[in-house]
Amino acid sequence: MQETPIEHLVLRGLVRKLIAKDLISTDDLRAILLEAAVHQDVVGGQQTPQAARTAVEEDLLPAFLGPPSS
């Protein structure tokens, strides 16, 4: 099991609280994460838009929103 730094846990908790209080929407969060992912440095330059979208939808958004409710 990989340990997550406390800063990441605090940030996730804060984002979840903001969404729960309707201060930001999941679309707002998606846009913020996409902007960050596009500008993430990878070997050879910036992330491609499609790779950034995939990273947001498959990895980042679920990490911030938590597991889907049943």
PDB file of N, CA and C in Angstrom:
ATOM      1  N   MET A   1       0.839  -1.188   0.000  1.00  0.00           N
ATOM      2  CA  MET A   1       0.000   0.000   0.000  1.00  0.00           C
ATOM      3  C   MET A   1       0.877   1.241   0.000  1.00  0.00           C
ATOM      4  N   GLN A   2       0.604   2.144  -0.919  1.00  0.00           N
ATOM      5  CA  GLN A   2       1.380   3.365  -1.031  1.00  0.00           C
ATOM      6  C   GLN A   2       0.833   4.405  -0.056  1.00  0.00           C
ATOM      7  N   GLU A   3       1.727   5.050   0.674  1.00  0.00           N
ATOM      8  CA  GLU A   3       1.289   6.069   1.619  1.00  0.00           C
ATOM      9  C   GLU A   3       1.072   7.387   0.889  1.00  0.00           C
ATOM     10  N   THR A   4       0.053   8.117   1.312  1.00  0.00           N
ATOM     11  CA  THR A   4      -0.263   9.407   0.716  1.00  0.00           C
ATOM     12  C   THR A   4       0.174  10.505   1.664  1.00  0.00           C
ATOM     13  N   PRO A   5       0.934  11.491   1.168  1.00  0.00           N
ATOM     14  CA  PRO A   5       1.340  12.592   2.037  1.00  0.00           C
ATOM     15  C   PRO A   5       0.129  13.317   2.623  1.00  0.00           C
ATOM     16  N   ILE A   6       0.296  13.820   3.836  1.00  0.00           N
ATOM     17  CA  ILE A   6      -0.801  14.485   4.553  1.00  0.00           C
ATOM     18  C   ILE A   6      -1.393  15.642   3.745  1.00  0.00           C
ATOM     19  N   GLU A   7      -0.557  16.331   2.975  1.00  0.00           N
ATOM     20  CA  GLU A   7      -1.053  17.464   2.178  1.00  0.00           C
ATOM     21  C   GLU A   7      -2.103  16.996   1.168  1.00  0.00           C
ATOM     22  N   HIS A   8      -1.878  15.837   0.580  1.00  0.00           N
ATOM     23  CA  HIS A   8      -2.837  15.309  -0.395  1.00  0.00           C
ATOM     24  C   HIS A   8      -4.151  14.949   0.282  1.00  0.00           C
ATOM     25  N   LEU A   9      -4.057  14.365   1.461  1.00  0.00           N
ATOM     26  CA  LEU A   9      -5.272  13.990   2.194  1.00  0.00           C
ATOM     27  C   LEU A   9      -6.074  15.224   2.594  1.00  0.00           C
ATOM     28  N   VAL A  10      -5.380  16.256   3.041  1.00  0.00           N
ATOM     29  CA  VAL A  10      -6.051  17.500   3.430  1.00  0.00           C
ATOM     30  C   VAL A  10      -6.713  18.148   2.212  1.00  0.00           C
ATOM     31  N   LEU A  11      -6.001  18.191   1.106  1.00  0.00           N
ATOM     32  CA  LEU A  11      -6.557  18.786  -0.113  1.00  0.00           C
ATOM     33  C   LEU A  11      -7.793  18.025  -0.582  1.00  0.00           C
ATOM     34  N   ARG A  12      -7.729  16.698  -0.581  1.00  0.00           N
ATOM     35  CA  ARG A  12      -8.900  15.908  -0.977  1.00  0.00           C
ATOM     36  C   ARG A  12     -10.082  16.172  -0.053  1.00  0.00           C
ATOM     37  N   GLY A  13      -9.819  16.222   1.243  1.00  0.00           N
ATOM     38  CA  GLY A  13     -10.889  16.493   2.201  1.00  0.00           C
ATOM     39  C   GLY A  13     -11.509  17.859   1.988  1.00  0.00           C
ATOM     40  N   LEU A  14     -10.669  18.848   1.724  1.00  0.00           N
ATOM     41  CA  LEU A  14     -11.161  20.204   1.479  1.00  0.00           C
ATOM     42  C   LEU A  14     -12.030  20.260   0.234  1.00  0.00           C
ATOM     43  N   VAL A  15     -11.579  19.626  -0.837  1.00  0.00           N
ATOM     44  CA  VAL A  15     -12.352  19.617  -2.080  1.00  0.00           C
ATOM     45  C   VAL A  15     -13.694  18.921  -1.868  1.00  0.00           C
ATOM     46  N   ARG A  16     -13.687  17.807  -1.158  1.00  0.00           N
ATOM     47  CA  ARG A  16     -14.947  17.088  -0.899  1.00  0.00           C
ATOM     48  C   ARG A  16     -15.914  17.941  -0.092  1.00  0.00           C
ATOM     49  N   LYS A  17     -15.395  18.702   0.888  1.00  0.00           N
ATOM     50  CA  LYS A  17     -16.250  19.597   1.685  1.00  0.00           C
ATOM     51  C   LYS A  17     -16.839  20.704   0.809  1.00  0.00           C
ATOM     52  N   LEU A  18     -16.018  21.293  -0.063  1.00  0.00           N
ATOM     53  CA  LEU A  18     -16.500  22.358  -0.941  1.00  0.00           C
ATOM     54  C   LEU A  18     -17.603  21.854  -1.867  1.00  0.00           C
ATOM     55  N   ILE A  19     -17.441  20.649  -2.374  1.00  0.00           N
ATOM     56  CA  ILE A  19     -18.474  20.064  -3.239  1.00  0.00           C
ATOM     57  C   ILE A  19     -19.726  19.760  -2.430  1.00  0.00           C
ATOM     58  N   ALA A  20     -19.561  19.200  -1.238  1.00  0.00           N
ATOM     59  CA  ALA A  20     -20.721  18.866  -0.397  1.00  0.00           C
ATOM     60  C   ALA A  20     -21.521  20.110  -0.027  1.00  0.00           C
ATOM     61  N   LYS A  21     -20.845  21.240   0.123  1.00  0.00           N
ATOM     62  CA  LYS A  21     -21.526  22.490   0.474  1.00  0.00           C
ATOM     63  C   LYS A  21     -21.947  23.284  -0.761  1.00  0.00           C
ATOM     64  N   ASP A  22     -21.809  22.675  -1.941  1.00  0.00           N
ATOM     65  CA  ASP A  22     -22.159  23.305  -3.220  1.00  0.00           C
ATOM     66  C   ASP A  22     -21.422  24.618  -3.466  1.00  0.00           C
ATOM     67  N   LEU A  23     -20.180  24.693  -2.981  1.00  0.00           N
ATOM     68  CA  LEU A  23     -19.366  25.873  -3.237  1.00  0.00           C
ATOM     69  C   LEU A  23     -18.590  25.743  -4.537  1.00  0.00           C
ATOM     70  N   ILE A  24     -18.321  24.512  -4.945  1.00  0.00           N
ATOM     71  CA  ILE A  24     -17.816  24.229  -6.286  1.00  0.00           C
ATOM     72  C   ILE A  24     -18.560  23.003  -6.799  1.00  0.00           C
ATOM     73  N   SER A  25     -18.653  22.905  -8.100  1.00  0.00           N
ATOM     74  CA  SER A  25     -19.333  21.751  -8.702  1.00  0.00           C
ATOM     75  C   SER A  25     -18.296  20.736  -9.173  1.00  0.00           C
ATOM     76  N   THR A  26     -18.761  19.565  -9.498  1.00  0.00           N
ATOM     77  CA  THR A  26     -17.838  18.570 -10.046  1.00  0.00           C
ATOM     78  C   THR A  26     -17.308  19.028 -11.404  1.00  0.00           C
ATOM     79  N   ASP A  27     -18.097  19.809 -12.134  1.00  0.00           N
ATOM     80  CA  ASP A  27     -17.607  20.368 -13.400  1.00  0.00           C
ATOM     81  C   ASP A  27     -16.490  21.381 -13.148  1.00  0.00           C
ATOM     82  N   ASP A  28     -16.624  22.188 -12.074  1.00  0.00           N
ATOM     83  CA  ASP A  28     -15.549  23.119 -11.696  1.00  0.00           C
ATOM     84  C   ASP A  28     -14.279  22.344 -11.367  1.00  0.00           C
ATOM     85  N   LEU A  29     -14.428  21.290 -10.580  1.00  0.00           N
ATOM     86  CA  LEU A  29     -13.278  20.479 -10.197  1.00  0.00           C
ATOM     87  C   LEU A  29     -12.644  19.843 -11.426  1.00  0.00           C
ATOM     88  N   ARG A  30     -13.457  19.326 -12.325  1.00  0.00           N
ATOM     89  CA  ARG A  30     -12.947  18.712 -13.547  1.00  0.00           C
ATOM     90  C   ARG A  30     -12.128  19.734 -14.342  1.00  0.00           C
ATOM     91  N   ALA A  31     -12.626  20.962 -14.462  1.00  0.00           N
ATOM     92  CA  ALA A  31     -11.920  22.012 -15.208  1.00  0.00           C
ATOM     93  C   ALA A  31     -10.591  22.371 -14.536  1.00  0.00           C
ATOM     94  N   ILE A  32     -10.594  22.469 -13.220  1.00  0.00           N
ATOM     95  CA  ILE A  32      -9.361  22.773 -12.479  1.00  0.00           C
ATOM     96  C   ILE A  32      -8.333  21.666 -12.685  1.00  0.00           C
ATOM     97  N   LEU A  33      -8.769  20.421 -12.547  1.00  0.00           N
ATOM     98  CA  LEU A  33      -7.865  19.293 -12.706  1.00  0.00           C
ATOM     99  C   LEU A  33      -7.347  19.185 -14.137  1.00  0.00           C
ATOM    100  N   LEU A  34      -8.200  19.454 -15.115  1.00  0.00           N
ATOM    101  CA  LEU A  34      -7.776  19.392 -16.513  1.00  0.00           C
ATOM    102  C   LEU A  34      -6.721  20.456 -16.801  1.00  0.00           C
ATOM    103  N   GLU A  35      -6.931  21.650 -16.299  1.00  0.00           N
ATOM    104  CA  GLU A  35      -5.953  22.732 -16.480  1.00  0.00           C
ATOM    105  C   GLU A  35      -4.601  22.326 -15.895  1.00  0.00           C
ATOM    106  N   ALA A  36      -4.615  21.744 -14.708  1.00  0.00           N
ATOM    107  CA  ALA A  36      -3.368  21.307 -14.074  1.00  0.00           C
ATOM    108  C   ALA A  36      -2.735  20.160 -14.855  1.00  0.00           C
ATOM    109  N   ALA A  37      -3.544  19.210 -15.301  1.00  0.00           N
ATOM    110  CA  ALA A  37      -3.021  18.039 -16.004  1.00  0.00           C
ATOM    111  C   ALA A  37      -2.404  18.406 -17.346  1.00  0.00           C
ATOM    112  N   VAL A  38      -3.008  19.346 -18.051  1.00  0.00           N
ATOM    113  CA  VAL A  38      -2.481  19.766 -19.352  1.00  0.00           C
ATOM    114  C   VAL A  38      -1.083  20.365 -19.191  1.00  0.00           C
ATOM    115  N   HIS A  39      -0.863  21.080 -18.105  1.00  0.00           N
ATOM    116  CA  HIS A  39       0.416  21.758 -17.899  1.00  0.00           C
ATOM    117  C   HIS A  39       1.423  20.918 -17.127  1.00  0.00           C
ATOM    118  N   GLN A  40       1.057  19.683 -16.816  1.00  0.00           N
ATOM    119  CA  GLN A  40       1.973  18.796 -16.111  1.00  0.00           C
ATOM    120  C   GLN A  40       3.119  18.424 -17.053  1.00  0.00           C
ATOM    121  N   ASP A  41       4.327  18.556 -16.549  1.00  0.00           N
ATOM    122  CA  ASP A  41       5.494  18.190 -17.355  1.00  0.00           C
ATOM    123  C   ASP A  41       5.640  16.684 -17.398  1.00  0.00           C
ATOM    124  N   VAL A  42       5.790  16.175 -18.591  1.00  0.00           N
ATOM    125  CA  VAL A  42       6.085  14.759 -18.797  1.00  0.00           C
ATOM    126  C   VAL A  42       7.339  14.698 -19.654  1.00  0.00           C
ATOM    127  N   VAL A  43       7.914  13.550 -19.789  1.00  0.00           N
ATOM    128  CA  VAL A  43       9.117  13.415 -20.603  1.00  0.00           C
ATOM    129  C   VAL A  43       8.814  13.915 -22.009  1.00  0.00           C
ATOM    130  N   GLY A  44       9.578  14.882 -22.457  1.00  0.00           N
ATOM    131  CA  GLY A  44       9.407  15.407 -23.809  1.00  0.00           C
ATOM    132  C   GLY A  44       8.493  16.615 -23.902  1.00  0.00           C
ATOM    133  N   GLY A  45       7.945  17.099 -22.789  1.00  0.00           N
ATOM    134  CA  GLY A  45       7.116  18.301 -22.844  1.00  0.00           C
ATOM    135  C   GLY A  45       5.835  18.153 -22.055  1.00  0.00           C
ATOM    136  N   GLN A  46       4.849  18.974 -22.441  1.00  0.00           N
ATOM    137  CA  GLN A  46       3.570  18.967 -21.738  1.00  0.00           C
ATOM    138  C   GLN A  46       2.731  17.772 -22.146  1.00  0.00           C
ATOM    139  N   GLN A  47       1.785  17.471 -21.289  1.00  0.00           N
ATOM    140  CA  GLN A  47       0.807  16.411 -21.515  1.00  0.00           C
ATOM    141  C   GLN A  47      -0.062  16.777 -22.726  1.00  0.00           C
ATOM    142  N   THR A  48      -0.426  15.820 -23.566  1.00  0.00           N
ATOM    143  CA  THR A  48      -1.356  16.107 -24.657  1.00  0.00           C
ATOM    144  C   THR A  48      -2.752  16.308 -24.066  1.00  0.00           C
ATOM    145  N   PRO A  49      -3.606  17.068 -24.732  1.00  0.00           N
ATOM    146  CA  PRO A  49      -4.963  17.280 -24.208  1.00  0.00           C
ATOM    147  C   PRO A  49      -5.727  15.975 -23.958  1.00  0.00           C
ATOM    148  N   GLN A  50      -5.610  15.010 -24.875  1.00  0.00           N
ATOM    149  CA  GLN A  50      -6.325  13.739 -24.703  1.00  0.00           C
ATOM    150  C   GLN A  50      -5.780  12.964 -23.514  1.00  0.00           C
ATOM    151  N   ALA A  51      -4.466  12.922 -23.366  1.00  0.00           N
ATOM    152  CA  ALA A  51      -3.861  12.222 -22.229  1.00  0.00           C
ATOM    153  C   ALA A  51      -4.252  12.904 -20.918  1.00  0.00           C
ATOM    154  N   ALA A  52      -4.324  14.226 -20.930  1.00  0.00           N
ATOM    155  CA  ALA A  52      -4.734  14.970 -19.733  1.00  0.00           C
ATOM    156  C   ALA A  52      -6.181  14.645 -19.371  1.00  0.00           C
ATOM    157  N   ARG A  53      -7.071  14.609 -20.368  1.00  0.00           N
ATOM    158  CA  ARG A  53      -8.483  14.274 -20.115  1.00  0.00           C
ATOM    159  C   ARG A  53      -8.609  12.868 -19.541  1.00  0.00           C
ATOM    160  N   THR A  54      -7.848  11.934 -20.095  1.00  0.00           N
ATOM    161  CA  THR A  54      -7.879  10.560 -19.598  1.00  0.00           C
ATOM    162  C   THR A  54      -7.402  10.499 -18.157  1.00  0.00           C
ATOM    163  N   ALA A  55      -6.316  11.190 -17.849  1.00  0.00           N
ATOM    164  CA  ALA A  55      -5.794  11.208 -16.482  1.00  0.00           C
ATOM    165  C   ALA A  55      -6.815  11.786 -15.518  1.00  0.00           C
ATOM    166  N   VAL A  56      -7.497  12.851 -15.929  1.00  0.00           N
ATOM    167  CA  VAL A  56      -8.508  13.478 -15.063  1.00  0.00           C
ATOM    168  C   VAL A  56      -9.668  12.516 -14.821  1.00  0.00           C
ATOM    169  N   GLU A  57     -10.220  11.951 -15.883  1.00  0.00           N
ATOM    170  CA  GLU A  57     -11.410  11.100 -15.753  1.00  0.00           C
ATOM    171  C   GLU A  57     -11.123   9.779 -15.045  1.00  0.00           C
ATOM    172  N   GLU A  58      -9.960   9.186 -15.309  1.00  0.00           N
ATOM    173  CA  GLU A  58      -9.682   7.850 -14.771  1.00  0.00           C
ATOM    174  C   GLU A  58      -8.952   7.857 -13.437  1.00  0.00           C
ATOM    175  N   ASP A  59      -8.153   8.898 -13.174  1.00  0.00           N
ATOM    176  CA  ASP A  59      -7.328   8.897 -11.974  1.00  0.00           C
ATOM    177  C   ASP A  59      -7.635  10.043 -11.009  1.00  0.00           C
ATOM    178  N   LEU A  60      -7.575  11.264 -11.520  1.00  0.00           N
ATOM    179  CA  LEU A  60      -7.656  12.425 -10.632  1.00  0.00           C
ATOM    180  C   LEU A  60      -9.054  12.667 -10.074  1.00  0.00           C
ATOM    181  N   LEU A  61     -10.047  12.691 -10.935  1.00  0.00           N
ATOM    182  CA  LEU A  61     -11.411  12.965 -10.471  1.00  0.00           C
ATOM    183  C   LEU A  61     -11.875  11.937  -9.448  1.00  0.00           C
ATOM    184  N   PRO A  62     -11.702  10.637  -9.710  1.00  0.00           N
ATOM    185  CA  PRO A  62     -12.094   9.651  -8.688  1.00  0.00           C
ATOM    186  C   PRO A  62     -11.317   9.810  -7.380  1.00  0.00           C
ATOM    187  N   ALA A  63     -10.056  10.219  -7.465  1.00  0.00           N
ATOM    188  CA  ALA A  63      -9.265  10.408  -6.242  1.00  0.00           C
ATOM    189  C   ALA A  63      -9.826  11.533  -5.392  1.00  0.00           C
ATOM    190  N   PHE A  64     -10.332  12.589  -6.030  1.00  0.00           N
ATOM    191  CA  PHE A  64     -10.891  13.704  -5.275  1.00  0.00           C
ATOM    192  C   PHE A  64     -12.329  13.482  -4.843  1.00  0.00           C
ATOM    193  N   LEU A  65     -13.099  12.796  -5.659  1.00  0.00           N
ATOM    194  CA  LEU A  65     -14.517  12.609  -5.337  1.00  0.00           C
ATOM    195  C   LEU A  65     -14.781  11.398  -4.452  1.00  0.00           C
ATOM    196  N   GLY A  66     -13.839  10.494  -4.391  1.00  0.00           N
ATOM    197  CA  GLY A  66     -14.034   9.302  -3.598  1.00  0.00           C
ATOM    198  C   GLY A  66     -14.736   8.239  -4.411  1.00  0.00           C
ATOM    199  N   PRO A  67     -14.960   7.083  -3.792  1.00  0.00           N
ATOM    200  CA  PRO A  67     -15.617   5.993  -4.517  1.00  0.00           C
ATOM    201  C   PRO A  67     -17.060   6.358  -4.868  1.00  0.00           C
ATOM    202  N   PRO A  68     -17.545   5.867  -6.002  1.00  0.00           N
ATOM    203  CA  PRO A  68     -18.939   6.150  -6.394  1.00  0.00           C
ATOM    204  C   PRO A  68     -19.928   5.602  -5.367  1.00  0.00           C
ATOM    205  N   SER A  69     -20.996   6.350  -5.144  1.00  0.00           N
ATOM    206  CA  SER A  69     -22.051   5.897  -4.228  1.00  0.00           C
ATOM    207  C   SER A  69     -22.912   4.869  -4.925  1.00  0.00           C
ATOM    208  N   SER A  70     -23.340   3.867  -4.181  1.00  0.00           N
ATOM    209  CA  SER A  70     -24.196   2.822  -4.760  1.00  0.00           C
ATOM    210  C   SER A  70     -25.650   3.148  -4.548  1.00  0.00           C
TER     211      SER A  70
END
